[in-house]
Protein backbone atom coordinates (compact mmCIF):
# COMPACT_ATOMS: atom_id res chain seq x y z
CA GLU A 1 11.69 35.25 -16.62
CA VAL A 2 14.70 35.88 -14.40
CA THR A 3 16.98 34.02 -16.79
CA LEU A 4 15.55 35.90 -19.76
CA THR A 5 16.12 39.25 -18.02
CA LEU A 6 19.72 38.32 -17.24
CA ASP A 7 20.32 37.24 -20.84
CA ILE A 8 18.93 40.56 -22.10
CA LEU A 9 21.21 42.50 -19.73
CA LYS A 10 24.22 40.46 -20.80
CA HIS A 11 23.36 40.95 -24.47
CA GLY A 12 23.16 44.70 -23.81
CA LYS A 13 26.56 44.47 -22.13
CA ARG A 14 25.13 45.54 -18.79
CA PHE A 15 27.57 43.24 -17.02
CA HIS A 16 27.69 45.30 -13.86
CA ALA A 17 23.98 44.72 -13.24
CA THR A 18 24.20 40.97 -13.86
CA VAL A 19 27.31 40.48 -11.75
CA SER A 20 25.75 42.48 -8.91
CA PHE A 21 22.52 40.48 -9.18
CA ASP A 22 24.37 37.16 -9.01
CA ALA A 23 26.39 38.34 -6.02
CA ASP A 24 23.38 39.70 -4.13
CA THR A 25 20.97 36.82 -4.73
CA GLY A 26 23.28 33.82 -5.02
CA LEU A 27 21.04 32.63 -7.85
CA ARG A 28 23.77 30.83 -9.75
CA ALA A 29 24.88 28.86 -6.69
CA SER A 30 21.26 28.06 -5.82
CA LEU A 31 20.55 26.77 -9.31
CA GLN A 32 23.63 24.60 -9.13
CA THR A 33 22.48 23.18 -5.78
CA VAL A 34 18.99 22.48 -7.16
CA ASN A 35 20.46 20.69 -10.18
CA GLU A 36 22.66 18.52 -7.95
CA TYR A 37 19.79 17.61 -5.61
CA ASN A 38 17.57 16.87 -8.59
CA LEU A 39 19.98 14.13 -9.66
CA LEU A 40 18.85 12.20 -6.58
CA MET A 41 15.20 13.22 -6.45
CA LYS A 42 14.53 12.75 -10.15
CA ASP A 43 12.75 9.44 -10.79
CA PHE A 44 12.75 8.69 -7.05
CA PRO A 45 10.72 5.43 -6.84
CA ILE A 46 8.50 6.44 -3.91
CA LYS A 47 5.28 6.03 -5.92
CA ASP A 48 5.70 2.26 -6.05
CA LEU A 49 5.76 2.14 -2.26
CA LEU A 50 2.73 4.40 -1.89
CA ALA A 51 0.77 2.35 -4.42
CA ALA A 52 1.67 -1.08 -2.98
CA ASN A 53 -1.37 -2.96 -1.70
CA GLU A 54 0.37 -6.22 -0.78
CA LEU A 55 3.25 -6.87 1.59
CA PRO A 56 5.57 -8.43 -1.05
CA ASN A 57 5.03 -5.35 -3.23
CA ILE A 58 6.03 -3.12 -0.32
CA GLN A 59 9.21 -5.15 0.13
CA THR A 60 10.09 -4.86 -3.57
CA ALA A 61 9.42 -1.11 -3.60
CA LEU A 62 11.54 -0.62 -0.48
CA SER A 63 14.50 -2.41 -2.07
CA ALA A 64 14.20 -0.21 -5.17
CA ILE A 65 14.20 2.94 -3.02
CA PHE A 66 17.40 2.01 -1.22
CA VAL A 67 19.11 1.07 -4.48
CA HIS A 68 18.21 4.54 -5.77
CA LEU A 69 19.55 6.16 -2.57
CA ARG A 70 23.02 4.81 -3.33
CA LYS A 71 23.34 7.65 -5.82
CA VAL A 72 24.44 9.83 -2.91
CA ARG A 73 27.90 8.35 -3.49
CA THR A 74 28.36 10.56 -6.56
CA ILE A 75 26.02 13.45 -5.71
CA LYS A 76 26.75 16.40 -3.43
CA TYR A 77 23.73 15.72 -1.28
CA PRO A 78 24.03 16.74 2.41
CA MET A 79 24.34 13.76 4.71
CA GLN A 80 21.98 15.12 7.34
CA ARG A 81 19.39 15.79 4.64
CA ALA A 82 19.87 12.20 3.43
CA LEU A 83 19.17 10.90 6.93
CA ARG A 84 16.01 13.03 7.18
CA LEU A 85 14.95 11.63 3.81
CA VAL A 86 15.35 8.10 5.19
CA GLU A 87 13.14 9.04 8.14
CA ALA A 88 10.50 10.33 5.72
CA ILE A 89 10.64 7.02 3.85
CA SER A 90 10.13 5.22 7.16
CA ARG A 91 6.98 7.29 7.77
CA ASP A 92 5.64 6.37 4.34
CA LEU A 93 6.48 2.71 5.01
CA PHE A 94 4.66 2.88 8.36
CA ASN A 95 1.53 4.37 6.77
CA GLN A 96 1.52 1.88 3.92
CA LEU A 97 1.92 -1.09 6.22
CA LEU A 98 -0.96 0.14 8.36
CA GLN A 99 -3.11 0.53 5.28
CA VAL A 100 -2.39 -3.01 4.09
CA LEU A 101 -2.71 -4.61 7.54
CA SER A 102 -5.97 -2.79 8.28
CA THR A 103 -7.69 -5.07 5.77
CA ARG A 104 -6.96 -8.07 8.01
CA ARG A 105 -8.30 -8.80 11.50
CA LEU A 106 -5.00 -9.99 12.91
CA MET A 107 -6.41 -11.11 16.26
CA HIS A 108 -9.29 -13.02 14.70
CA ILE A 109 -7.91 -14.78 11.64
CA SER A 110 -6.63 -18.36 11.99
CA PHE A 111 -3.17 -18.78 13.45
CA ASP A 112 -1.79 -20.23 10.21
CA GLU A 113 -3.05 -17.26 8.22
CA PHE A 114 -1.74 -14.89 10.88
CA GLU A 115 1.71 -16.47 10.66
CA LYS A 116 1.76 -16.02 6.87
CA VAL A 117 1.02 -12.33 7.32
CA MET A 118 3.72 -12.00 9.97
CA VAL A 119 6.31 -13.73 7.80
CA ALA A 120 5.59 -11.25 5.01
CA CYS A 121 5.68 -8.30 7.44
CA PHE A 122 8.97 -9.23 8.98
CA ALA A 123 10.45 -9.86 5.54
CA VAL A 124 9.79 -6.16 4.92
CA PHE A 125 11.44 -5.21 8.21
CA ILE A 126 14.48 -7.39 7.46
CA THR A 127 14.78 -5.76 4.04
CA TRP A 128 14.79 -2.34 5.71
CA ASP A 129 17.46 -3.35 8.23
CA ASP A 130 19.72 -4.91 5.59
CA GLU A 131 19.38 -2.05 3.12
CA TYR A 132 19.78 0.65 5.76
CA ASP A 133 22.96 -1.00 7.05
CA LYS A 134 24.37 -0.85 3.51
CA LEU A 135 23.36 2.80 3.15
CA GLN A 136 24.84 3.64 6.55
CA THR A 137 28.14 2.07 5.53
CA LEU A 138 28.07 4.10 2.32
CA LEU A 139 27.40 7.36 4.18
CA ARG A 140 30.20 6.69 6.66
CA ASP A 141 32.55 6.02 3.77
CA ILE A 142 31.58 9.35 2.19
CA VAL A 143 32.31 11.16 5.46
CA ARG A 144 35.66 9.37 5.86
CA ARG A 145 36.66 10.48 2.38
CA GLY A 146 36.19 14.02 3.62
CA ARG A 147 33.63 15.24 1.14
CA ASP A 148 32.49 17.61 3.85
CA GLU A 149 35.12 18.05 6.54
CA SER A 150 32.74 20.01 8.77
CA LEU A 151 30.53 16.96 9.22
CA LYS A 152 30.74 15.05 12.46
CA ILE A 153 27.71 12.96 11.76
CA ILE A 154 25.96 10.74 14.22
CA MET A 155 24.32 8.13 12.02
CA ARG A 156 21.17 8.02 14.06
CA ILE A 157 17.60 8.27 12.83
CA ASN A 158 14.18 7.73 14.34
CA PRO A 159 12.35 5.37 11.97
CA GLN A 160 8.64 5.49 12.70
CA HIS A 161 7.92 1.99 11.42
CA LYS A 162 10.03 0.51 14.23
CA LYS A 163 7.16 1.13 16.66
CA LEU A 164 4.86 -0.91 14.44
CA GLN A 165 7.50 -3.62 14.18
CA ALA A 166 7.74 -3.85 17.98
CA ARG A 167 3.95 -3.98 18.32
CA LEU A 168 3.62 -6.75 15.73
CA ASP A 169 6.39 -8.69 17.47
CA GLN A 170 4.43 -8.52 20.73
CA MET A 171 1.26 -9.61 18.95
CA ARG A 172 3.09 -12.49 17.31
CA LYS A 173 4.46 -13.77 20.63
CA PHE A 174 1.01 -13.52 22.21
CA ARG A 175 -0.68 -15.47 19.44
CA ARG A 176 2.03 -18.13 19.45
CA HIS A 177 1.65 -18.62 23.20
CA HIS A 178 -2.11 -18.75 22.82
CA ASP A 179 -1.88 -21.35 20.05
CA GLN A 180 0.47 -23.47 22.17
CA LEU A 181 -1.90 -23.23 25.14
CA SER A 182 -4.86 -24.15 22.96
CA ASN A 183 -3.06 -27.25 21.67
CA VAL A 184 -2.03 -28.29 25.18
CA ILE A 185 -5.60 -27.99 26.44
CA VAL A 186 -6.90 -30.17 23.62
CA LYS A 187 -4.20 -32.82 24.22
CA VAL A 188 -4.79 -32.90 27.98
CA LEU A 189 -8.56 -33.25 27.67
CA ARG A 190 -8.50 -35.67 24.76
CA PRO A 191 -8.29 -38.87 26.90
CA THR A 192 -11.36 -37.93 28.90
CA ALA A 193 -13.36 -36.54 26.01
CA SER A 194 -16.54 -38.17 24.76
CA LYS A 195 -16.58 -40.25 21.62
CA SER A 196 -17.15 -37.19 19.50
CA GLY A 197 -14.34 -35.31 21.20
CA ALA A 198 -16.82 -32.67 22.32
CA GLU A 199 -14.92 -31.69 25.47
CA GLY A 200 -11.69 -31.11 23.55
CA GLU A 201 -13.48 -29.00 20.98
CA GLU A 202 -15.23 -27.05 23.71
CA ALA A 203 -11.90 -26.37 25.44
CA ARG A 204 -10.35 -25.18 22.18
CA SER A 205 -13.35 -22.95 21.55
CA GLU A 206 -13.01 -21.43 24.99
CA ALA A 207 -9.30 -20.77 24.42
CA GLU A 208 -10.01 -19.16 21.04
CA ALA A 209 -12.74 -17.05 22.64
CA VAL A 210 -9.95 -14.95 24.21
CA PHE A 211 -9.86 -12.97 20.96
CA ASP A 212 -13.62 -12.30 20.83
């Protein structure tokens, strides 16, 4: 409606009104900014991340997102806004990982199964670190080229998923130590166990009972 009104005024040669409107509202500049930002946000592949129900799918979606973010090289997208966007992606990653991991009882499943889950989880975290390093290098290069001379950017963000990564790392160390202890107990008691190995099995059961 606004555009139609401006076109009517221009057609009626009411240029003073249209020029004054543009100057007062900054509509033209705002539309240009929206169009530039839309070049990045259009077809942004966030839906694949939000729909992922397996860890490998999350990793694939994350890679696609960072590939898309490289468009900032040719788009006048503010660097600080780009960093806030990365933080928002981290929040979505955190929530999606929690959703997927909540279907597994990490402290109760077998150690082998637990390790498979951890390998897949940390593959996601490694993908984030590698891709973010590439993006950070790209952003620094943009700043060095002086696209915005007023920017003195500190390339620092607060990714929410890092807290989950630290917690899973602690859990992984604990379960590894527990598995090692369980194996040691079985080996130590094996020579004195009965023919059926009942004592060794009982010791292993007691060690595994730590998680119950």
